Protein backbone atom coordinates (compact mmCIF):
# COMPACT_ATOMS: atom_id res chain seq x y z
CA MET A 1 -26.17 -5.00 -22.72
CA GLN A 2 -23.86 -1.99 -22.47
CA THR A 3 -20.67 -2.65 -20.53
CA LYS A 4 -19.80 -0.52 -17.52
CA LYS A 5 -16.42 1.22 -17.89
CA ILE A 6 -14.28 0.71 -14.78
CA ALA A 7 -11.21 2.95 -14.56
CA ILE A 8 -8.55 1.81 -12.07
CA ILE A 9 -5.54 4.02 -11.37
CA THR A 10 -2.19 2.95 -9.88
CA ALA A 11 0.95 4.96 -9.12
CA THR A 12 3.17 2.63 -7.03
CA ARG A 13 4.33 -0.98 -6.95
CA ALA A 14 2.75 -1.65 -3.54
CA GLU A 15 -0.62 -0.27 -4.58
CA TYR A 16 -0.61 -2.28 -7.82
CA GLY A 17 0.20 -5.46 -5.91
CA LEU A 18 -2.90 -4.92 -3.79
CA LEU A 19 -5.10 -4.06 -6.78
CA LYS A 20 -4.11 -7.06 -8.92
CA PRO A 21 -6.90 -9.44 -7.90
CA LEU A 22 -9.48 -6.69 -8.43
CA ILE A 23 -8.05 -5.78 -11.84
CA GLN A 24 -8.21 -9.47 -12.76
CA LYS A 25 -11.86 -9.74 -11.68
CA VAL A 26 -12.85 -6.65 -13.69
CA GLN A 27 -11.01 -7.90 -16.77
CA GLU A 28 -12.72 -11.31 -16.58
CA ASP A 29 -16.26 -9.89 -16.20
CA ALA A 30 -18.00 -9.64 -19.57
CA SER A 31 -20.29 -6.87 -18.30
CA LEU A 32 -17.32 -4.64 -17.39
CA GLU A 33 -14.66 -2.84 -19.42
CA LEU A 34 -11.28 -2.41 -17.73
CA GLN A 35 -9.57 0.96 -18.13
CA LEU A 36 -6.17 0.71 -16.43
CA ILE A 37 -4.38 4.04 -15.87
CA VAL A 38 -0.71 3.95 -14.83
CA THR A 39 1.20 6.94 -13.48
CA GLY A 40 3.71 8.04 -10.82
CA ALA A 41 6.59 5.84 -9.74
CA HIS A 42 5.60 3.09 -12.20
CA LEU A 43 6.95 5.24 -15.04
CA SER A 44 10.07 6.48 -13.22
CA HIS A 45 13.53 5.07 -13.87
CA SER A 46 14.55 5.77 -10.25
CA PHE A 47 11.70 3.61 -8.98
CA GLY A 48 12.29 0.69 -11.32
CA HIS A 49 10.00 1.30 -14.34
CA THR A 50 7.50 -1.09 -12.76
CA TYR A 51 4.94 -0.41 -15.51
CA GLN A 52 6.83 -3.09 -17.44
CA GLU A 53 5.68 -5.70 -14.92
CA ILE A 54 2.10 -4.49 -15.27
CA GLU A 55 2.25 -4.80 -19.07
CA LYS A 56 3.13 -8.50 -18.71
CA GLU A 57 -0.19 -9.08 -16.96
CA PHE A 58 -2.73 -6.49 -18.15
CA PRO A 59 -3.20 -4.05 -21.03
CA ILE A 60 -2.50 -0.47 -19.94
CA THR A 61 -5.10 1.98 -21.22
CA ALA A 62 -3.17 5.18 -20.46
CA LYS A 63 0.25 6.16 -19.10
CA ILE A 64 0.82 9.51 -17.40
CA PRO A 65 4.52 10.04 -16.52
CA LEU A 66 5.40 12.47 -13.72
CA ASP A 67 8.70 14.12 -12.80
CA LEU A 68 9.62 12.46 -9.50
CA GLU A 69 13.41 12.82 -9.68
CA GLU A 70 13.71 15.83 -7.37
CA ASN A 71 11.49 14.12 -4.77
CA THR A 72 10.69 17.12 -2.57
CA PRO A 73 7.38 18.48 -1.23
CA LYS A 74 7.48 21.22 -3.88
CA SER A 75 8.24 18.85 -6.78
CA ASN A 76 5.53 16.42 -5.65
CA SER A 77 3.00 19.27 -5.53
CA LEU A 78 3.98 20.24 -9.08
CA ALA A 79 3.63 16.59 -10.11
CA MET A 80 0.07 16.68 -8.77
CA ALA A 81 -0.65 19.68 -10.98
CA LYS A 82 0.66 17.84 -14.05
CA LEU A 83 -1.37 14.75 -13.18
CA GLN A 84 -4.52 16.84 -12.77
CA ASN A 85 -4.08 18.32 -16.23
CA GLU A 86 -3.32 15.08 -18.07
CA LEU A 87 -5.71 12.82 -16.16
CA THR A 88 -8.54 15.25 -16.92
CA GLN A 89 -7.92 14.70 -20.64
CA VAL A 90 -7.62 10.92 -20.22
CA LEU A 91 -10.79 10.40 -18.17
CA ASP A 92 -12.78 12.79 -20.34
CA GLU A 93 -11.85 10.79 -23.44
CA LEU A 94 -12.44 7.40 -21.80
CA GLY A 95 -15.95 8.26 -20.60
CA SER A 96 -15.46 6.15 -17.45
CA ASP A 97 -18.49 5.13 -15.40
CA ILE A 98 -16.53 4.87 -12.15
CA LEU A 99 -12.94 5.44 -10.96
CA VAL A 100 -11.40 3.01 -8.45
CA ILE A 101 -8.83 4.51 -6.06
CA LEU A 102 -6.86 2.65 -3.39
CA GLY A 103 -5.29 4.26 -0.37
CA ASP A 104 -3.97 7.64 0.53
CA ARG A 105 -1.16 8.85 -1.71
CA TYR A 106 -1.03 12.36 -3.15
CA GLU A 107 -1.54 11.03 -6.69
CA MET A 108 -4.83 9.50 -5.56
CA LEU A 109 -6.05 12.79 -4.10
CA THR A 110 -5.43 14.38 -7.49
CA ALA A 111 -7.28 11.55 -9.24
CA ALA A 112 -10.25 11.96 -6.90
CA THR A 113 -10.40 15.70 -7.57
CA VAL A 114 -10.38 15.14 -11.33
CA ALA A 115 -13.14 12.53 -11.15
CA LEU A 116 -15.25 14.80 -8.95
CA MET A 117 -15.06 17.65 -11.43
CA LEU A 118 -15.87 15.33 -14.35
CA HIS A 119 -18.88 13.84 -12.51
CA ILE A 120 -17.33 10.37 -12.37
CA PRO A 121 -18.25 8.37 -9.24
CA ILE A 122 -15.31 7.28 -7.09
CA ALA A 123 -14.90 3.90 -5.39
CA HIS A 124 -12.34 4.23 -2.58
CA ILE A 125 -10.54 1.26 -1.01
CA HIS A 126 -8.95 1.41 2.49
CA GLY A 127 -10.76 4.45 3.85
CA GLY A 128 -11.39 5.11 7.53
CA GLU A 129 -7.87 4.22 8.65
CA ILE A 130 -5.55 6.40 10.71
CA THR A 131 -1.81 6.95 10.21
CA GLU A 132 -0.82 9.85 12.41
CA GLY A 133 2.81 10.09 11.28
CA ALA A 134 2.22 10.94 7.63
CA VAL A 135 0.39 13.46 5.44
CA ASP A 136 -1.35 10.39 4.00
CA ASP A 137 -3.73 10.56 6.96
CA ALA A 138 -5.28 13.87 5.83
CA ILE A 139 -5.24 12.76 2.19
CA ARG A 140 -7.12 9.55 2.99
CA HIS A 141 -9.90 11.38 4.82
CA ALA A 142 -10.14 13.98 2.03
CA ILE A 143 -10.56 11.21 -0.55
CA THR A 144 -13.32 9.69 1.62
CA LYS A 145 -15.37 12.87 1.41
CA LEU A 146 -14.86 13.02 -2.37
CA SER A 147 -15.85 9.38 -2.89
CA HIS A 148 -19.19 7.67 -3.54
CA LEU A 149 -18.50 4.04 -2.60
CA HIS A 150 -16.25 2.95 0.26
CA PHE A 151 -14.60 -0.44 0.71
CA THR A 152 -13.09 -0.65 4.17
CA ALA A 153 -10.77 -3.30 5.60
CA THR A 154 -12.43 -3.71 9.04
CA GLU A 155 -15.73 -2.94 10.78
CA ILE A 156 -14.00 -0.24 12.85
CA TYR A 157 -12.97 1.57 9.68
CA LYS A 158 -16.47 1.17 8.24
CA LYS A 159 -17.89 2.87 11.31
CA ARG A 160 -15.34 5.68 11.03
CA VAL A 161 -16.28 6.40 7.41
CA ILE A 162 -19.94 6.62 8.42
CA GLN A 163 -18.88 8.94 11.28
CA MET A 164 -17.60 11.26 8.56
CA GLY A 165 -21.14 11.61 7.21
CA GLU A 166 -21.07 8.95 4.51
CA GLU A 167 -24.38 7.17 4.02
CA PRO A 168 -24.24 3.59 5.40
CA TRP A 169 -25.41 1.96 2.15
CA ARG A 170 -22.28 3.33 0.47
CA VAL A 171 -19.86 1.72 2.97
CA VAL A 172 -18.95 -1.98 2.81
CA ASN A 173 -16.38 -3.84 4.91
CA VAL A 174 -14.62 -6.26 2.55
CA GLY A 175 -11.29 -6.91 4.32
CA ALA A 176 -7.87 -6.17 2.83
CA LEU A 177 -7.09 -6.93 -0.81
CA GLY A 178 -3.49 -7.81 0.06
CA VAL A 179 -4.57 -10.63 2.34
CA GLU A 180 -6.69 -12.11 -0.45
CA SER A 181 -3.59 -12.22 -2.67
CA ILE A 182 -1.64 -14.08 0.01
CA LYS A 183 -4.28 -16.80 0.16
CA LYS A 184 -4.37 -17.34 -3.60
CA LEU A 185 -0.74 -16.86 -4.68
CA GLN A 186 1.50 -19.91 -5.17
CA LEU A 187 4.71 -18.78 -3.44
CA LEU A 188 8.21 -19.67 -4.61
CA SER A 189 10.02 -22.66 -3.15
CA LYS A 190 13.08 -21.84 -1.07
CA GLU A 191 15.40 -22.84 -3.90
CA ALA A 192 13.47 -20.85 -6.52
CA PHE A 193 13.32 -17.85 -4.19
CA GLU A 194 17.07 -17.91 -3.53
CA GLU A 195 17.71 -18.14 -7.27
CA SER A 196 15.35 -15.20 -7.91
CA ILE A 197 17.19 -12.90 -5.48
CA GLY A 198 20.67 -14.16 -6.32
CA VAL A 199 21.78 -15.04 -2.77
CA LYS A 200 21.40 -17.89 -0.29
CA LEU A 201 19.34 -17.38 2.83
CA LYS A 202 21.23 -17.39 6.12
CA GLU A 203 20.22 -18.91 9.46
CA LYS A 204 18.75 -15.48 10.31
CA ASN A 205 17.02 -13.27 7.71
CA LEU A 206 15.19 -9.94 7.91
CA LEU A 207 13.24 -7.83 5.41
CA ILE A 208 13.67 -4.07 5.76
CA THR A 209 11.11 -1.72 4.23
CA TYR A 210 11.26 1.88 5.44
CA HIS A 211 9.57 4.99 4.03
CA PRO A 212 9.87 8.65 5.07
CA GLN A 213 7.75 9.54 8.09
CA THR A 214 6.60 12.77 6.50
CA LEU A 215 5.31 14.47 9.66
CA ALA A 216 8.32 13.61 11.85
CA THR A 217 10.51 16.29 13.42
CA GLN A 218 13.59 14.36 12.23
CA SER A 219 14.63 14.52 8.58
CA PRO A 220 14.33 11.29 6.52
CA GLN A 221 18.13 11.00 6.71
CA GLU A 222 18.13 11.29 10.50
CA GLN A 223 15.29 8.77 10.77
CA PHE A 224 16.94 6.17 8.57
CA ASN A 225 20.36 6.64 10.18
CA GLU A 226 18.86 5.23 13.37
CA VAL A 227 17.69 2.16 11.42
CA LEU A 228 21.03 1.62 9.68
CA ASN A 229 22.99 2.12 12.91
CA THR A 230 20.92 -0.72 14.32
CA LEU A 231 21.31 -3.06 11.36
CA GLU A 232 25.09 -2.58 11.42
CA LYS A 233 25.13 -4.79 14.54
CA PHE A 234 23.43 -7.76 12.85
CA ASP A 235 26.29 -8.92 10.59
CA ASP A 236 25.24 -12.58 10.99
CA THR A 237 21.83 -11.85 9.43
CA LEU A 238 20.87 -11.54 5.76
CA LEU A 239 19.29 -8.10 5.39
CA ILE A 240 16.95 -7.81 2.40
CA PHE A 241 16.04 -4.20 1.62
CA THR A 242 13.14 -3.13 -0.53
CA LYS A 243 13.48 0.54 -1.41
CA ALA A 244 11.37 3.50 -0.33
CA ASN A 245 8.44 4.93 -2.27
CA ALA A 246 8.13 8.27 -4.05
CA ASP A 247 7.22 10.29 -0.96
CA ALA A 248 9.34 13.36 -0.27
CA GLY A 249 12.61 12.06 1.16
CA GLY A 250 12.36 8.63 -0.42
CA LYS A 251 15.24 9.30 -2.79
CA ILE A 252 17.56 10.11 0.14
CA ILE A 253 16.63 6.84 1.86
CA ASN A 254 17.28 4.87 -1.33
CA GLU A 255 20.71 6.46 -1.72
CA MET A 256 21.50 5.52 1.89
CA ILE A 257 20.41 1.93 1.20
CA ASP A 258 22.70 1.71 -1.84
CA ASP A 259 25.64 3.06 0.17
CA PHE A 260 24.99 0.66 3.07
CA VAL A 261 24.65 -2.37 0.78
CA SER A 262 27.91 -1.49 -1.01
CA LYS A 263 29.74 -1.73 2.33
CA HIS A 264 28.10 -4.85 3.82
CA THR A 265 28.30 -8.32 2.29
CA ASN A 266 25.27 -9.61 4.25
CA THR A 267 22.88 -7.25 2.46
CA ILE A 268 20.93 -7.02 -0.79
CA ALA A 269 18.54 -4.36 -2.07
CA PHE A 270 15.69 -4.24 -4.59
CA THR A 271 13.91 -1.28 -6.12
CA SER A 272 10.91 -3.58 -6.48
CA LEU A 273 10.59 -7.24 -5.54
CA GLY A 274 7.22 -7.59 -7.26
CA GLN A 275 4.31 -9.20 -5.46
CA LEU A 276 5.34 -12.85 -5.88
CA ARG A 277 8.89 -12.34 -4.63
CA TYR A 278 7.76 -9.93 -1.91
CA PHE A 279 5.26 -12.38 -0.43
CA SER A 280 7.75 -15.23 -0.89
CA THR A 281 10.29 -13.13 1.03
CA LEU A 282 7.81 -12.79 3.89
CA SER A 283 7.45 -16.55 4.06
CA TYR A 284 11.21 -17.08 4.56
CA VAL A 285 12.41 -14.18 6.72
CA ASP A 286 12.26 -14.11 10.53
CA GLY A 287 10.47 -10.77 10.54
CA VAL A 288 9.97 -7.38 8.92
CA VAL A 289 11.66 -4.18 10.09
CA GLY A 290 10.38 -0.76 8.99
CA ASN A 291 7.21 1.29 8.79
CA SER A 292 5.34 0.04 5.74
CA SER A 293 1.57 -0.49 5.82
CA SER A 294 2.28 -4.02 4.60
CA GLY A 295 3.85 -4.77 7.97
CA ILE A 296 0.48 -4.06 9.56
CA LEU A 297 -1.93 -5.35 6.91
CA GLU A 298 -0.31 -8.42 5.35
CA VAL A 299 2.70 -9.65 7.34
CA PRO A 300 0.55 -10.96 10.25
CA SER A 301 -1.04 -13.47 7.86
CA PHE A 302 2.40 -15.08 7.50
CA LYS A 303 2.68 -15.52 11.29
CA LYS A 304 5.79 -13.36 11.26
CA PRO A 305 6.59 -10.42 13.57
CA THR A 306 6.66 -6.84 12.36
CA ILE A 307 8.93 -4.31 14.05
CA ASN A 308 6.97 -1.15 13.35
CA ILE A 309 9.24 1.90 13.70
CA GLY A 310 7.97 5.37 14.58
CA ASP A 311 4.53 6.90 14.07
CA ARG A 312 3.99 6.46 10.33
CA GLN A 313 1.39 3.73 10.97
CA LYS A 314 0.22 4.99 14.36
CA GLY A 315 -3.54 4.63 14.72
CA ARG A 316 -4.00 1.56 12.51
CA LEU A 317 -5.66 -1.51 14.00
CA GLN A 318 -2.88 -4.01 14.74
CA ALA A 319 -2.42 -7.73 15.26
CA ASP A 320 -0.58 -8.97 18.37
CA SER A 321 2.39 -9.82 16.14
CA ILE A 322 3.27 -6.12 15.75
CA ILE A 323 6.09 -4.75 17.93
CA ASN A 324 6.03 -0.95 18.04
CA THR A 325 9.23 0.96 18.67
CA PRO A 326 10.38 4.60 18.48
CA ILE A 327 12.93 5.80 15.90
CA SER A 328 15.86 4.96 18.16
CA SER A 329 18.74 2.60 17.45
CA GLN A 330 18.69 1.26 21.00
CA ALA A 331 14.94 0.57 20.91
CA ILE A 332 15.06 -1.01 17.43
CA THR A 333 17.95 -3.26 18.49
CA LYS A 334 16.01 -4.47 21.50
CA ALA A 335 12.94 -5.14 19.33
CA ILE A 336 14.90 -7.17 16.77
CA GLU A 337 16.51 -9.27 19.49
CA SER A 338 13.10 -9.92 21.04
CA ILE A 339 11.64 -11.65 17.97
CA TYR A 340 13.94 -14.63 18.58
CA THR A 341 12.66 -15.18 22.14
CA PRO A 342 10.17 -17.99 22.93
CA GLU A 343 7.67 -15.46 24.33
CA ILE A 344 7.44 -13.41 21.14
CA LYS A 345 7.49 -16.49 18.90
CA GLN A 346 4.50 -17.88 20.79
CA ARG A 347 2.66 -14.55 20.71
CA VAL A 348 3.14 -14.27 16.94
CA GLN A 349 1.89 -17.81 16.30
CA GLN A 350 -1.23 -17.21 18.38
CA SER A 351 -2.05 -13.86 16.78
CA THR A 352 -4.76 -13.33 14.16
CA ASN A 353 -4.86 -10.79 11.35
CA PRO A 354 -7.83 -8.39 11.81
CA TYR A 355 -7.74 -7.55 8.08
CA GLU A 356 -8.50 -11.06 6.84
CA SER A 357 -11.71 -11.75 4.90
CA ASP A 358 -12.89 -13.91 2.01
CA ASN A 359 -13.37 -12.99 -1.67
CA THR A 360 -12.53 -9.31 -1.15
CA SER A 361 -12.11 -8.45 -4.83
CA GLN A 362 -15.33 -10.24 -5.84
CA LYS A 363 -17.30 -8.36 -3.17
CA ILE A 364 -15.98 -5.05 -4.55
CA VAL A 365 -16.93 -5.96 -8.12
CA GLU A 366 -20.45 -7.01 -7.09
CA VAL A 367 -21.09 -3.70 -5.32
CA ILE A 368 -19.66 -1.64 -8.19
CA LYS A 369 -21.95 -3.45 -10.64
CA LYS A 370 -24.98 -2.89 -8.42
CA TYR A 371 -25.25 0.90 -8.65
CA GLU A 372 -25.80 3.23 -11.58
CA LYS A 373 -23.75 6.39 -12.06
CA GLN A 374 -26.50 8.89 -11.26
CA THR A 375 -27.51 7.04 -8.10
CA LEU A 376 -23.97 7.27 -6.79
CA LEU A 377 -23.40 10.92 -7.66
CA LYS A 378 -26.34 12.20 -5.56
CA LYS A 379 -24.74 12.25 -2.09
CA GLY A 380 -26.32 13.17 1.18
CA PHE A 381 -24.73 13.74 4.60
CA TYR A 382 -25.58 11.02 7.10
CA ASP A 383 -26.37 12.30 10.60
CA GLY A 384 -27.99 9.10 11.83
CA GLN A 385 -27.06 6.37 14.26
CA LEU A 386 -23.70 4.68 13.87
CA PRO A 387 -23.57 0.89 13.41
CA SER A 388 -22.47 -1.25 16.36
CA LEU A 389 -19.24 -3.14 15.85
CA GLN A 390 -19.54 -6.82 14.97
């Protein structure tokens, strides 16, 4: 029997962490051939050369480096042009039967465009979501219309993808891949975790993960100044920073983190914690401060509060453990103080994660194996009745 060639592309550490269980399932299936394509921040010195972590776990089929050092809207657009050129050559040579894309980054929009032009079906993970504060919102919906299979994280998102004209048989709610990883990963003990980060935990500990809110009226520097002005007050708390991604403005935020950490002994920063240390961090901190999608999708499964700053994640379905706050030092301070109150502690413990499901990666593999290339490529526009929510 001829194996089906499954190309999976990753450009960031966070995205790779989510894709890991799916990559593993594809690699283990004798009827499938894994084609792992690595690009973007993975191959950038400024973002930690995280491709080296990938190589320890899976063979990389192709590497496509991009120039991300300038980190501006213009430079990122030019990086997309380079990726389009080189990925076209790679996918054409690989003869992939399907391309798996997760999320809503600009690199993924480029990948979807290339696959469309080469007549390669696209399987898109995490469609149907809304994030009003970032250009990712428009990118995600554009990828949906270019894609042929859709794996959503909730029934609400499944319905939204169908609202966009996608045929119902193409859309499957599988839950969030990141939550599956949490359930299966053996986290580090407290002692092993402290040794891995090189510091001892304090009585109070917070994880900070903040990315540029690309559609905000404030500059990334102005945004993050409000966060740092807040954190300055919490000198009795260990502040663990994980650095920003390769969005425009991310480099400025990372420079600000380095400067802040150099002046405060209760802080430590990482370009990339890696999935094991990141999830282990979540198990030991009191809460997460920032605007990462992880604060919405995965942190609730740890029964920890997320202080979600600004509008970057506005529109996403949220657990009761999420505390939303504007980009204001006063508001962020109040939110951090609230997580130590009995009322919030009880609310967090009673909350449930709407993104939880079982065997997410296996469900994706089973659907991918089910359909032939030509069946997927012939798309119609669905004008029929929308499904009722379960």
